[in-house]
Amino acid sequence: SAHRTPQEVEQFAREAKGRGIKIIIAAAGMAAALPGVIA
């Protein structure tokens, strides 16, 4: 959660490429900050 686990979201996003992830699909409702914070 961009709002409830912001540090974990940022860490996930920073480390994803190094783990071999090529594309991220991020789903969110209401304020829907998650995709933008990841990007």
Full PDB file with SEQRES, HELIX, SHEET, SSBOND, CRYST1, ORIGX, SCALE, CONECT and MASTER records, all heavy atoms in Angstrom:
SEQRES   1 A   39  SER ALA HIS ARG THR PRO GLN GLU VAL GLU GLN PHE ALA          
SEQRES   2 A   39  ARG GLU ALA LYS GLY ARG GLY ILE LYS ILE ILE ILE ALA          
SEQRES   3 A   39  ALA ALA GLY MET ALA ALA ALA LEU PRO GLY VAL ILE ALA          
HELIX    1 AA1 PRO A    6  ALA A   16  1                                  11    
HELIX    2 AA2 LYS A   17  ARG A   19  5                                   3    
HELIX    3 AA3 LEU A   34  ILE A   38  1                                   5    
CRYST1    1.000    1.000    1.000  90.00  90.00  90.00 P 1           1          
ORIGX1      1.000000  0.000000  0.000000        0.00000                         
ORIGX2      0.000000  1.000000  0.000000        0.00000                         
ORIGX3      0.000000  0.000000  1.000000        0.00000                         
SCALE1      1.000000  0.000000  0.000000        0.00000                         
SCALE2      0.000000  1.000000  0.000000        0.00000                         
SCALE3      0.000000  0.000000  1.000000        0.00000                         
ATOM      1  N   SER A   1       0.826  -1.199   0.000  1.00  0.00           N  
ATOM      2  CA  SER A   1       0.000   0.000   0.000  1.00  0.00           C  
ATOM      3  C   SER A   1       0.864   1.254   0.000  1.00  0.00           C  
ATOM      4  O   SER A   1       1.764   1.398   0.831  1.00  0.00           O  
ATOM      5  CB  SER A   1      -0.900   0.006   1.248  1.00  0.00           C  
ATOM      6  OG  SER A   1      -1.527   1.263   1.403  1.00  0.00           O  
ATOM      7  N   ALA A   2       0.569   2.158  -0.933  1.00  0.00           N  
ATOM      8  CA  ALA A   2       1.302   3.420  -0.997  1.00  0.00           C  
ATOM      9  C   ALA A   2       1.109   4.243   0.266  1.00  0.00           C  
ATOM     10  O   ALA A   2       1.974   5.025   0.643  1.00  0.00           O  
ATOM     11  CB  ALA A   2       0.852   4.225  -2.214  1.00  0.00           C  
ATOM     12  N   HIS A   3      -0.026   4.046   0.933  1.00  0.00           N  
ATOM     13  CA  HIS A   3      -0.334   4.845   2.119  1.00  0.00           C  
ATOM     14  C   HIS A   3      -0.018   4.122   3.426  1.00  0.00           C  
ATOM     15  O   HIS A   3       0.361   4.751   4.405  1.00  0.00           O  
ATOM     16  CB  HIS A   3      -1.811   5.256   2.103  1.00  0.00           C  
ATOM     17  CG  HIS A   3      -2.155   6.076   0.904  1.00  0.00           C  
ATOM     18  ND1 HIS A   3      -2.923   5.600  -0.118  1.00  0.00           N  
ATOM     19  CD2 HIS A   3      -1.800   7.328   0.560  1.00  0.00           C  
ATOM     20  CE1 HIS A   3      -3.047   6.536  -1.049  1.00  0.00           C  
ATOM     21  NE2 HIS A   3      -2.366   7.595  -0.659  1.00  0.00           N  
ATOM     22  N   ARG A   4      -0.168   2.803   3.444  1.00  0.00           N  
ATOM     23  CA  ARG A   4       0.031   2.057   4.692  1.00  0.00           C  
ATOM     24  C   ARG A   4       1.416   1.429   4.808  1.00  0.00           C  
ATOM     25  O   ARG A   4       1.882   1.152   5.903  1.00  0.00           O  
ATOM     26  CB  ARG A   4      -1.047   0.982   4.833  1.00  0.00           C  
ATOM     27  CG  ARG A   4      -2.414   1.615   5.128  1.00  0.00           C  
ATOM     28  CD  ARG A   4      -3.517   0.583   5.118  1.00  0.00           C  
ATOM     29  NE  ARG A   4      -4.420   1.023   4.048  1.00  0.00           N  
ATOM     30  CZ  ARG A   4      -5.114   0.239   3.276  1.00  0.00           C  
ATOM     31  NH1 ARG A   4      -5.066  -1.045   3.426  1.00  0.00           N  
ATOM     32  NH2 ARG A   4      -5.883   0.736   2.349  1.00  0.00           N  
ATOM     33  N   THR A   5       2.071   1.178   3.648  1.00  0.00           N  
ATOM     34  CA  THR A   5       3.428   0.612   3.667  1.00  0.00           C  
ATOM     35  C   THR A   5       4.314   1.375   2.674  1.00  0.00           C  
ATOM     36  O   THR A   5       4.910   0.784   1.775  1.00  0.00           O  
ATOM     37  CB  THR A   5       3.418  -0.895   3.313  1.00  0.00           C  
ATOM     38  OG1 THR A   5       2.849  -1.059   2.003  1.00  0.00           O  
ATOM     39  CG2 THR A   5       2.641  -1.718   4.327  1.00  0.00           C  
ATOM     40  N   PRO A   6       4.428   2.691   2.839  1.00  0.00           N  
ATOM     41  CA  PRO A   6       5.160   3.479   1.834  1.00  0.00           C  
ATOM     42  C   PRO A   6       6.633   3.101   1.697  1.00  0.00           C  
ATOM     43  O   PRO A   6       7.159   3.090   0.583  1.00  0.00           O  
ATOM     44  CB  PRO A   6       4.990   4.921   2.308  1.00  0.00           C  
ATOM     45  CG  PRO A   6       4.647   4.825   3.761  1.00  0.00           C  
ATOM     46  CD  PRO A   6       3.903   3.516   3.915  1.00  0.00           C  
ATOM     47  N   GLN A   7       7.302   2.793   2.799  1.00  0.00           N  
ATOM     48  CA  GLN A   7       8.719   2.422   2.708  1.00  0.00           C  
ATOM     49  C   GLN A   7       8.888   1.116   1.930  1.00  0.00           C  
ATOM     50  O   GLN A   7       9.800   0.979   1.120  1.00  0.00           O  
ATOM     51  CB  GLN A   7       9.355   2.289   4.109  1.00  0.00           C  
ATOM     52  CG  GLN A   7       9.501   3.599   4.855  1.00  0.00           C  
ATOM     53  CD  GLN A   7       8.228   3.975   5.621  1.00  0.00           C  
ATOM     54  OE1 GLN A   7       7.269   3.218   5.695  1.00  0.00           O  
ATOM     55  NE2 GLN A   7       8.204   5.187   6.159  1.00  0.00           N  
ATOM     56  N   GLU A   8       7.990   0.153   2.161  1.00  0.00           N  
ATOM     57  CA  GLU A   8       8.062  -1.129   1.465  1.00  0.00           C  
ATOM     58  C   GLU A   8       7.798  -0.958  -0.029  1.00  0.00           C  
ATOM     59  O   GLU A   8       8.429  -1.616  -0.864  1.00  0.00           O  
ATOM     60  CB  GLU A   8       7.076  -2.124   2.065  1.00  0.00           C  
ATOM     61  CG  GLU A   8       7.455  -2.632   3.443  1.00  0.00           C  
ATOM     62  CD  GLU A   8       7.033  -1.709   4.595  1.00  0.00           C  
ATOM     63  OE1 GLU A   8       6.605  -0.553   4.336  1.00  0.00           O  
ATOM     64  OE2 GLU A   8       7.152  -2.137   5.758  1.00  0.00           O  
ATOM     65  N   VAL A   9       6.863  -0.065  -0.380  1.00  0.00           N  
ATOM     66  CA  VAL A   9       6.581   0.200  -1.793  1.00  0.00           C  
ATOM     67  C   VAL A   9       7.816   0.782  -2.471  1.00  0.00           C  
ATOM     68  O   VAL A   9       8.213   0.340  -3.560  1.00  0.00           O  
ATOM     69  CB  VAL A   9       5.373   1.149  -1.959  1.00  0.00           C  
ATOM     70  CG1 VAL A   9       5.231   1.619  -3.402  1.00  0.00           C  
ATOM     71  CG2 VAL A   9       4.093   0.466  -1.498  1.00  0.00           C  
ATOM     72  N   GLU A  10       8.444   1.776  -1.845  1.00  0.00           N  
ATOM     73  CA  GLU A  10       9.634   2.388  -2.425  1.00  0.00           C  
ATOM     74  C   GLU A  10      10.777   1.387  -2.549  1.00  0.00           C  
ATOM     75  O   GLU A  10      11.456   1.338  -3.577  1.00  0.00           O  
ATOM     76  CB  GLU A  10      10.060   3.593  -1.594  1.00  0.00           C  
ATOM     77  CG  GLU A  10       9.097   4.759  -1.737  1.00  0.00           C  
ATOM     78  CD  GLU A  10       9.489   5.973  -0.925  1.00  0.00           C  
ATOM     79  OE1 GLU A  10      10.666   6.063  -0.482  1.00  0.00           O  
ATOM     80  OE2 GLU A  10       8.628   6.845  -0.725  1.00  0.00           O  
ATOM     81  N   GLN A  11      10.957   0.553  -1.531  1.00  0.00           N  
ATOM     82  CA  GLN A  11      12.018  -0.460  -1.577  1.00  0.00           C  
ATOM     83  C   GLN A  11      11.729  -1.462  -2.689  1.00  0.00           C  
ATOM     84  O   GLN A  11      12.630  -1.820  -3.455  1.00  0.00           O  
ATOM     85  CB  GLN A  11      12.135  -1.176  -0.229  1.00  0.00           C  
ATOM     86  CG  GLN A  11      13.220  -2.238  -0.216  1.00  0.00           C  
ATOM     87  CD  GLN A  11      13.349  -2.923   1.132  1.00  0.00           C  
ATOM     88  OE1 GLN A  11      12.664  -2.586   2.098  1.00  0.00           O  
ATOM     89  NE2 GLN A  11      14.226  -3.903   1.200  1.00  0.00           N  
ATOM     90  N   PHE A  12      10.485  -1.925  -2.778  1.00  0.00           N  
ATOM     91  CA  PHE A  12      10.105  -2.853  -3.851  1.00  0.00           C  
ATOM     92  C   PHE A  12      10.447  -2.248  -5.209  1.00  0.00           C  
ATOM     93  O   PHE A  12      11.071  -2.888  -6.060  1.00  0.00           O  
ATOM     94  CB  PHE A  12       8.613  -3.189  -3.787  1.00  0.00           C  
ATOM     95  CG  PHE A  12       8.103  -3.708  -5.098  1.00  0.00           C  
ATOM     96  CD1 PHE A  12       8.313  -5.017  -5.467  1.00  0.00           C  
ATOM     97  CD2 PHE A  12       7.472  -2.852  -5.993  1.00  0.00           C  
ATOM     98  CE1 PHE A  12       7.896  -5.483  -6.700  1.00  0.00           C  
ATOM     99  CE2 PHE A  12       7.047  -3.307  -7.232  1.00  0.00           C  
ATOM    100  CZ  PHE A  12       7.261  -4.618  -7.588  1.00  0.00           C  
ATOM    101  N   ALA A  13      10.028  -1.008  -5.448  1.00  0.00           N  
ATOM    102  CA  ALA A  13      10.223  -0.360  -6.744  1.00  0.00           C  
ATOM    103  C   ALA A  13      11.708  -0.196  -7.070  1.00  0.00           C  
ATOM    104  O   ALA A  13      12.125  -0.434  -8.206  1.00  0.00           O  
ATOM    105  CB  ALA A  13       9.516   0.988  -6.765  1.00  0.00           C  
ATOM    106  N   ARG A  14      12.494   0.194  -6.088  1.00  0.00           N  
ATOM    107  CA  ARG A  14      13.931   0.396  -6.320  1.00  0.00           C  
ATOM    108  C   ARG A  14      14.653  -0.921  -6.610  1.00  0.00           C  
ATOM    109  O   ARG A  14      15.623  -0.942  -7.352  1.00  0.00           O  
ATOM    110  CB  ARG A  14      14.572   1.097  -5.125  1.00  0.00           C  
ATOM    111  CG  ARG A  14      14.263   2.582  -5.042  1.00  0.00           C  
ATOM    112  CD  ARG A  14      15.150   3.296  -4.028  1.00  0.00           C  
ATOM    113  NE  ARG A  14      15.052   2.739  -2.687  1.00  0.00           N  
ATOM    114  CZ  ARG A  14      14.175   3.142  -1.762  1.00  0.00           C  
ATOM    115  NH1 ARG A  14      13.338   4.112  -2.028  1.00  0.00           N  
ATOM    116  NH2 ARG A  14      14.158   2.583  -0.574  1.00  0.00           N  
ATOM    117  N   GLU A  15      14.181  -2.024  -6.024  1.00  0.00           N  
ATOM    118  CA  GLU A  15      14.876  -3.308  -6.154  1.00  0.00           C  
ATOM    119  C   GLU A  15      14.328  -4.200  -7.267  1.00  0.00           C  
ATOM    120  O   GLU A  15      14.955  -5.204  -7.617  1.00  0.00           O  
ATOM    121  CB  GLU A  15      14.814  -4.053  -4.819  1.00  0.00           C  
ATOM    122  CG  GLU A  15      15.572  -3.336  -3.708  1.00  0.00           C  
ATOM    123  CD  GLU A  15      15.408  -4.005  -2.348  1.00  0.00           C  
ATOM    124  OE1 GLU A  15      14.638  -4.994  -2.233  1.00  0.00           O  
ATOM    125  OE2 GLU A  15      16.042  -3.523  -1.389  1.00  0.00           O  
ATOM    126  N   ALA A  16      13.168  -3.871  -7.833  1.00  0.00           N  
ATOM    127  CA  ALA A  16      12.505  -4.757  -8.801  1.00  0.00           C  
ATOM    128  C   ALA A  16      13.390  -5.073 -10.004  1.00  0.00           C  
ATOM    129  O   ALA A  16      13.522  -6.240 -10.400  1.00  0.00           O  
ATOM    130  CB  ALA A  16      11.181  -4.148  -9.245  1.00  0.00           C  
ATOM    131  N   LYS A  17      13.986  -4.075 -10.601  1.00  0.00           N  
ATOM    132  CA  LYS A  17      14.808  -4.276 -11.794  1.00  0.00           C  
ATOM    133  C   LYS A  17      15.979  -5.215 -11.501  1.00  0.00           C  
ATOM    134  O   LYS A  17      16.263  -6.126 -12.282  1.00  0.00           O  
ATOM    135  CB  LYS A  17      15.311  -2.929 -12.316  1.00  0.00           C  
ATOM    136  CG  LYS A  17      15.989  -3.006 -13.650  1.00  0.00           C  
ATOM    137  CD  LYS A  17      16.318  -1.598 -14.130  1.00  0.00           C  
ATOM    138  CE  LYS A  17      16.817  -1.596 -15.551  1.00  0.00           C  
ATOM    139  NZ  LYS A  17      17.077  -0.229 -16.032  1.00  0.00           N  
ATOM    140  N   GLY A  18      16.622  -5.024 -10.378  1.00  0.00           N  
ATOM    141  CA  GLY A  18      17.746  -5.872  -9.984  1.00  0.00           C  
ATOM    142  C   GLY A  18      17.352  -7.319  -9.738  1.00  0.00           C  
ATOM    143  O   GLY A  18      18.193  -8.217  -9.806  1.00  0.00           O  
ATOM    144  N   ARG A  19      16.082  -7.547  -9.461  1.00  0.00           N  
ATOM    145  CA  ARG A  19      15.590  -8.923  -9.248  1.00  0.00           C  
ATOM    146  C   ARG A  19      15.125  -9.567 -10.558  1.00  0.00           C  
ATOM    147  O   ARG A  19      14.658 -10.690 -10.566  1.00  0.00           O  
ATOM    148  CB  ARG A  19      14.430  -8.931  -8.256  1.00  0.00           C  
ATOM    149  CG  ARG A  19      14.815  -8.540  -6.850  1.00  0.00           C  
ATOM    150  CD  ARG A  19      13.686  -8.724  -5.843  1.00  0.00           C  
ATOM    151  NE  ARG A  19      12.443  -8.052  -6.198  1.00  0.00           N  
ATOM    152  CZ  ARG A  19      11.342  -8.670  -6.670  1.00  0.00           C  
ATOM    153  NH1 ARG A  19      11.315  -9.962  -6.853  1.00  0.00           N  
ATOM    154  NH2 ARG A  19      10.247  -7.969  -6.948  1.00  0.00           N  
ATOM    155  N   GLY A  20      15.243  -8.828 -11.677  1.00  0.00           N  
ATOM    156  CA  GLY A  20      14.864  -9.392 -12.968  1.00  0.00           C  
ATOM    157  C   GLY A  20      13.466  -9.043 -13.437  1.00  0.00           C  
ATOM    158  O   GLY A  20      13.025  -9.513 -14.488  1.00  0.00           O  
ATOM    159  N   ILE A  21      12.758  -8.226 -12.670  1.00  0.00           N  
ATOM    160  CA  ILE A  21      11.417  -7.789 -13.088  1.00  0.00           C  
ATOM    161  C   ILE A  21      11.587  -6.862 -14.284  1.00  0.00           C  
ATOM    162  O   ILE A  21      12.459  -5.998 -14.297  1.00  0.00           O  
ATOM    163  CB  ILE A  21      10.680  -7.071 -11.936  1.00  0.00           C  
ATOM    164  CG1 ILE A  21      10.492  -8.023 -10.732  1.00  0.00           C  
ATOM    165  CG2 ILE A  21       9.344  -6.502 -12.402  1.00  0.00           C  
ATOM    166  CD1 ILE A  21       9.647  -9.250 -11.009  1.00  0.00           C  
ATOM    167  N   LYS A  22      10.720  -7.041 -15.299  1.00  0.00           N  
ATOM    168  CA  LYS A  22      10.784  -6.219 -16.507  1.00  0.00           C  
ATOM    169  C   LYS A  22       9.607  -5.245 -16.612  1.00  0.00           C  
ATOM    170  O   LYS A  22       9.731  -4.190 -17.219  1.00  0.00           O  
ATOM    171  CB  LYS A  22      10.841  -7.099 -17.737  1.00  0.00           C  
ATOM    172  CG  LYS A  22      12.057  -8.029 -17.728  1.00  0.00           C  
ATOM    173  CD  LYS A  22      12.391  -8.553 -19.075  1.00  0.00           C  
ATOM    174  CE  LYS A  22      13.604  -9.445 -19.089  1.00  0.00           C  
ATOM    175  NZ  LYS A  22      14.742  -9.044 -18.336  1.00  0.00           N  
ATOM    176  N   ILE A  23       8.472  -5.617 -16.030  1.00  0.00           N  
ATOM    177  CA  ILE A  23       7.263  -4.800 -16.097  1.00  0.00           C  
ATOM    178  C   ILE A  23       6.516  -4.951 -14.785  1.00  0.00           C  
ATOM    179  O   ILE A  23       6.438  -6.055 -14.229  1.00  0.00           O  
ATOM    180  CB  ILE A  23       6.355  -5.244 -17.262  1.00  0.00           C  
ATOM    181  CG1 ILE A  23       7.104  -5.132 -18.593  1.00  0.00           C  
ATOM    182  CG2 ILE A  23       5.063  -4.430 -17.309  1.00  0.00           C  
ATOM    183  CD1 ILE A  23       6.453  -5.885 -19.722  1.00  0.00           C  
ATOM    184  N   ILE A  24       5.916  -3.853 -14.328  1.00  0.00           N  
ATOM    185  CA  ILE A  24       5.127  -3.880 -13.100  1.00  0.00           C  
ATOM    186  C   ILE A  24       3.691  -3.486 -13.431  1.00  0.00           C  
ATOM    187  O   ILE A  24       3.461  -2.468 -14.085  1.00  0.00           O  
ATOM    188  CB  ILE A  24       5.698  -2.928 -12.042  1.00  0.00           C  
ATOM    189  CG1 ILE A  24       7.136  -3.338 -11.681  1.00  0.00           C  
ATOM    190  CG2 ILE A  24       4.804  -2.887 -10.798  1.00  0.00           C  
ATOM    191  CD1 ILE A  24       7.892  -2.310 -10.854  1.00  0.00           C  
ATOM    192  N   ILE A  25       2.763  -4.303 -12.980  1.00  0.00           N  
ATOM    193  CA  ILE A  25       1.346  -3.970 -13.052  1.00  0.00           C  
ATOM    194  C   ILE A  25       0.930  -3.604 -11.638  1.00  0.00           C  
ATOM    195  O   ILE A  25       1.100  -4.396 -10.712  1.00  0.00           O  
ATOM    196  CB  ILE A  25       0.504  -5.151 -13.581  1.00  0.00           C  
ATOM    197  CG1 ILE A  25       0.879  -5.440 -15.033  1.00  0.00           C  
ATOM    198  CG2 ILE A  25      -0.989  -4.855 -13.440  1.00  0.00           C  
ATOM    199  CD1 ILE A  25       0.214  -6.683 -15.597  1.00  0.00           C  
ATOM    200  N   ALA A  26       0.397  -2.404 -11.473  1.00  0.00           N  
ATOM    201  CA  ALA A  26       0.014  -1.938 -10.139  1.00  0.00           C  
ATOM    202  C   ALA A  26      -1.458  -1.553 -10.148  1.00  0.00           C  
ATOM    203  O   ALA A  26      -1.878  -0.688 -10.913  1.00  0.00           O  
ATOM    204  CB  ALA A  26       0.875  -0.737  -9.727  1.00  0.00           C  
ATOM    205  N   ALA A  27      -2.232  -2.210  -9.301  1.00  0.00           N  
ATOM    206  CA  ALA A  27      -3.670  -1.952  -9.210  1.00  0.00           C  
ATOM    207  C   ALA A  27      -3.976  -1.226  -7.919  1.00  0.00           C  
ATOM    208  O   ALA A  27      -3.421  -1.550  -6.864  1.00  0.00           O  
ATOM    209  CB  ALA A  27      -4.447  -3.261  -9.267  1.00  0.00           C  
ATOM    210  N   ALA A  28      -4.870  -0.240  -8.035  1.00  0.00           N  
ATOM    211  CA  ALA A  28      -5.256   0.503  -6.835  1.00  0.00           C  
ATOM    212  C   ALA A  28      -6.594   1.176  -7.071  1.00  0.00           C  
ATOM    213  O   ALA A  28      -6.952   1.496  -8.201  1.00  0.00           O  
ATOM    214  CB  ALA A  28      -4.201   1.550  -6.494  1.00  0.00           C  
ATOM    215  N   GLY A  29      -7.303   1.363  -5.992  1.00  0.00           N  
ATOM    216  CA  GLY A  29      -8.593   2.051  -6.051  1.00  0.00           C  
ATOM    217  C   GLY A  29      -8.536   3.351  -5.282  1.00  0.00           C  
ATOM    218  O   GLY A  29      -7.523   3.699  -4.675  1.00  0.00           O  
ATOM    219  N   MET A  30      -9.634   4.078  -5.338  1.00  0.00           N  
ATOM    220  CA  MET A  30      -9.812   5.355  -4.641  1.00  0.00           C  
ATOM    221  C   MET A  30      -8.700   6.343  -5.000  1.00  0.00           C  
ATOM    222  O   MET A  30      -8.592   6.723  -6.155  1.00  0.00           O  
ATOM    223  CB  MET A  30      -9.968   5.122  -3.147  1.00  0.00           C  
ATOM    224  CG  MET A  30     -11.232   4.307  -2.863  1.00  0.00           C  
ATOM    225  SD  MET A  30     -11.573   3.712  -1.205  1.00  0.00           S  
ATOM    226  CE  MET A  30     -10.717   4.724  -0.094  1.00  0.00           C  
ATOM    227  N   ALA A  31      -7.854   6.725  -4.057  1.00  0.00           N  
ATOM    228  CA  ALA A  31      -6.803   7.704  -4.343  1.00  0.00           C  
ATOM    229  C   ALA A  31      -5.773   7.157  -5.326  1.00  0.00           C  
ATOM    230  O   ALA A  31      -5.117   7.906  -6.031  1.00  0.00           O  
ATOM    231  CB  ALA A  31      -6.113   8.139  -3.057  1.00  0.00           C  
ATOM    232  N   ALA A  32      -5.624   5.854  -5.386  1.00  0.00           N  
ATOM    233  CA  ALA A  32      -4.822   5.136  -6.384  1.00  0.00           C  
ATOM    234  C   ALA A  32      -3.408   5.678  -6.553  1.00  0.00           C  
ATOM    235  O   ALA A  32      -2.932   5.866  -7.662  1.00  0.00           O  
ATOM    236  CB  ALA A  32      -5.557   5.106  -7.721  1.00  0.00           C  
ATOM    237  N   ALA A  33      -2.717   5.902  -5.463  1.00  0.00           N  
ATOM    238  CA  ALA A  33      -1.357   6.431  -5.518  1.00  0.00           C  
ATOM    239  C   ALA A  33      -0.316   5.364  -5.854  1.00  0.00           C  
ATOM    240  O   ALA A  33       0.783   5.702  -6.314  1.00  0.00           O  
ATOM    241  CB  ALA A  33      -1.011   7.083  -4.185  1.00  0.00           C  
ATOM    242  N   LEU A  34      -0.637   4.101  -5.658  1.00  0.00           N  
ATOM    243  CA  LEU A  34       0.349   3.023  -5.781  1.00  0.00           C  
ATOM    244  C   LEU A  34       1.096   3.011  -7.115  1.00  0.00           C  
ATOM    245  O   LEU A  34       2.330   2.988  -7.115  1.00  0.00           O  
ATOM    246  CB  LEU A  34      -0.317   1.669  -5.508  1.00  0.00           C  
ATOM    247  CG  LEU A  34       0.594   0.449  -5.528  1.00  0.00           C  
ATOM    248  CD1 LEU A  34       1.672   0.561  -4.450  1.00  0.00           C  
ATOM    249  CD2 LEU A  34      -0.228  -0.822  -5.321  1.00  0.00           C  
ATOM    250  N   PRO A  35       0.414   3.020  -8.260  1.00  0.00           N  
ATOM    251  CA  PRO A  35       1.180   2.993  -9.519  1.00  0.00           C  
ATOM    252  C   PRO A  35       2.137   4.168  -9.666  1.00  0.00           C  
ATOM    253  O   PRO A  35       3.279   3.991 -10.105  1.00  0.00           O  
ATOM    254  CB  PRO A  35       0.093   3.024 -10.603  1.00  0.00           C  
ATOM    255  CG  PRO A  35      -1.136   2.501  -9.925  1.00  0.00           C  
ATOM    256  CD  PRO A  35      -1.030   2.968  -8.500  1.00  0.00           C  
ATOM    257  N   GLY A  36       1.719   5.350  -9.283  1.00  0.00           N  
ATOM    258  CA  GLY A  36       2.579   6.526  -9.395  1.00  0.00           C  
ATOM    259  C   GLY A  36       3.770   6.487  -8.467  1.00  0.00           C  
ATOM    260  O   GLY A  36       4.875   6.871  -8.850  1.00  0.00           O  
ATOM    261  N   VAL A  37       3.561   6.022  -7.246  1.00  0.00           N  
ATOM    262  CA  VAL A  37       4.676   5.916  -6.295  1.00  0.00           C  
ATOM    263  C   VAL A  37       5.686   4.899  -6.807  1.00  0.00           C  
ATOM    264  O   VAL A  37       6.897   5.128  -6.742  1.00  0.00           O  
ATOM    265  CB  VAL A  37       4.174   5.552  -4.874  1.00  0.00           C  
ATOM    266  CG1 VAL A  37       5.330   5.215  -3.947  1.00  0.00           C  
ATOM    267  CG2 VAL A  37       3.334   6.685  -4.305  1.00  0.00           C  
ATOM    268  N   ILE A  38       5.202   3.798  -7.350  1.00  0.00           N  
ATOM    269  CA  ILE A  38       6.120   2.804  -7.918  1.00  0.00           C  
ATOM    270  C   ILE A  38       6.883   3.420  -9.084  1.00  0.00           C  
ATOM    271  O   ILE A  38       8.111   3.313  -9.169  1.00  0.00           O  
ATOM    272  CB  ILE A  38       5.362   1.526  -8.332  1.00  0.00           C  
ATOM    273  CG1 ILE A  38       4.867   0.783  -7.087  1.00  0.00           C  
ATOM    274  CG2 ILE A  38       6.263   0.618  -9.172  1.00  0.00           C  
ATOM    275  CD1 ILE A  38       3.943  -0.382  -7.370  1.00  0.00           C  
ATOM    276  N   ALA A  39       6.167   4.073 -10.009  1.00  0.00           N  
ATOM    277  CA  ALA A  39       6.807   4.673 -11.183  1.00  0.00           C  
ATOM    278  C   ALA A  39       7.843   5.730 -10.786  1.00  0.00           C  
ATOM    279  O   ALA A  39       8.848   5.908 -11.471  1.00  0.00           O  
ATOM    280  CB  ALA A  39       5.749   5.277 -12.107  1.00  0.00           C  
TER     281      ALA A  39                                                      
MASTER        0    0    0    3    0    0    0    6  280    1    0    3          
END                                                                             
